């Protein structure tokens, strides 16, 4: 049980971290500096395209929603009381 809880928490942390990275990175100055150094012009143009950056940001929001869903699922499981049926 503890291993399952631990891996669930690690997955939630991964989703939050990856989501934040995918949401923020395409719009940072570091993204542009790294992409401008690419030698392939078609790839450079694709990575600097606003639509591509928006798609990466959407992928990040998907990770954040997934993390929120799993966190809600984790807390709702912990709140459920374990009631035993009464014997008549």
Protein backbone atom coordinates (compact mmCIF):
# COMPACT_ATOMS: atom_id res chain seq x y z
CA UNK A 1 0.00 0.00 0.00
CA UNK A 2 2.76 2.44 0.88
CA UNK A 3 4.65 1.77 -2.35
CA UNK A 4 1.50 2.44 -4.37
CA UNK A 5 0.89 5.70 -2.49
CA UNK A 6 4.51 6.73 -2.95
CA UNK A 7 4.45 6.08 -6.71
CA UNK A 8 1.12 7.92 -6.98
CA UNK A 9 2.62 10.96 -5.25
CA UNK A 10 5.72 10.78 -7.45
CA UNK A 11 3.51 10.70 -10.55
CA UNK A 12 1.60 13.76 -9.34
CA UNK A 13 4.87 15.61 -8.72
CA UNK A 14 6.09 14.62 -12.18
CA UNK A 15 2.90 15.94 -13.79
CA UNK A 16 3.16 19.25 -11.94
CA UNK A 17 6.83 19.70 -12.81
CA UNK A 18 6.45 18.68 -16.46
CA UNK A 19 3.31 20.79 -16.79
CA UNK A 20 5.01 23.88 -15.41
CA UNK A 21 7.99 23.33 -17.70
CA UNK A 22 5.83 22.87 -20.80
CA UNK A 23 3.70 25.90 -19.96
CA UNK A 24 6.53 28.30 -19.18
CA UNK A 25 9.47 27.17 -21.33
CA UNK A 26 8.15 27.99 -24.83
CA UNK A 27 7.62 31.63 -23.88
CA UNK A 28 10.94 32.18 -22.09
CA UNK A 29 13.98 33.87 -23.54
CA UNK A 30 15.97 30.68 -23.07
CA UNK A 31 13.73 28.91 -25.58
CA UNK A 32 14.48 31.49 -28.25
CA UNK A 33 18.21 31.52 -27.51
CA UNK A 34 18.40 27.73 -27.74
CA UNK A 35 16.27 27.46 -30.87
CA UNK A 36 18.11 30.22 -32.75
CA UNK A 37 21.31 28.17 -32.45
CA UNK A 38 19.81 25.21 -34.33
CA UNK A 39 21.44 24.71 -37.74
CA UNK A 40 18.28 23.42 -39.48
CA UNK A 41 16.10 26.29 -40.66
CA UNK A 42 12.82 24.33 -41.04
CA UNK A 43 13.10 22.98 -37.49
CA UNK A 44 14.04 26.41 -36.18
CA UNK A 45 11.05 27.99 -37.91
CA UNK A 46 8.75 25.31 -36.52
CA UNK A 47 9.99 25.70 -32.94
CA UNK A 48 9.67 29.49 -33.08
CA UNK A 49 6.17 29.33 -34.54
CA UNK A 50 3.48 30.64 -32.20
CA UNK A 51 1.15 27.74 -32.99
CA UNK A 52 3.82 25.20 -32.02
CA UNK A 53 4.56 27.07 -28.80
CA UNK A 54 0.84 27.14 -28.02
CA UNK A 55 0.62 23.38 -28.62
CA UNK A 56 3.48 22.78 -26.18
CA UNK A 57 1.75 25.05 -23.66
CA UNK A 58 -1.50 23.13 -24.12
CA UNK A 59 0.39 19.89 -23.50
CA UNK A 60 1.66 21.46 -20.28
CA UNK A 61 -1.85 22.41 -19.19
CA UNK A 62 -2.91 18.84 -19.90
CA UNK A 63 -0.24 17.65 -17.47
CA UNK A 64 -1.39 20.14 -14.83
CA UNK A 65 -5.03 19.06 -15.17
CA UNK A 66 -3.96 15.43 -14.93
CA UNK A 67 -2.01 16.22 -11.75
CA UNK A 68 -5.01 18.03 -10.25
CA UNK A 69 -7.28 15.10 -11.14
CA UNK A 70 -4.94 12.55 -9.57
CA UNK A 71 -4.47 14.73 -6.49
CA UNK A 72 -8.24 15.00 -6.09
CA UNK A 73 -8.54 11.25 -6.54
CA UNK A 74 -5.85 10.68 -3.92
CA UNK A 75 -7.57 12.92 -1.36
CA UNK A 76 -11.03 11.52 -2.06
CA UNK A 77 -9.77 7.99 -1.45
CA UNK A 78 -8.22 9.01 1.85
CA UNK A 79 -11.44 10.72 3.04
CA UNK A 80 -13.70 7.73 2.47
CA UNK A 81 -14.48 6.09 5.79
CA UNK A 82 -13.97 2.38 6.00
CA UNK A 83 -17.28 1.25 7.43
CA UNK A 84 -18.02 -2.34 8.12
CA UNK A 85 -21.53 -3.72 7.61
CA UNK A 86 -23.41 -4.24 10.83
CA UNK A 87 -24.38 -7.76 11.74
CA UNK A 88 -28.05 -8.28 12.63
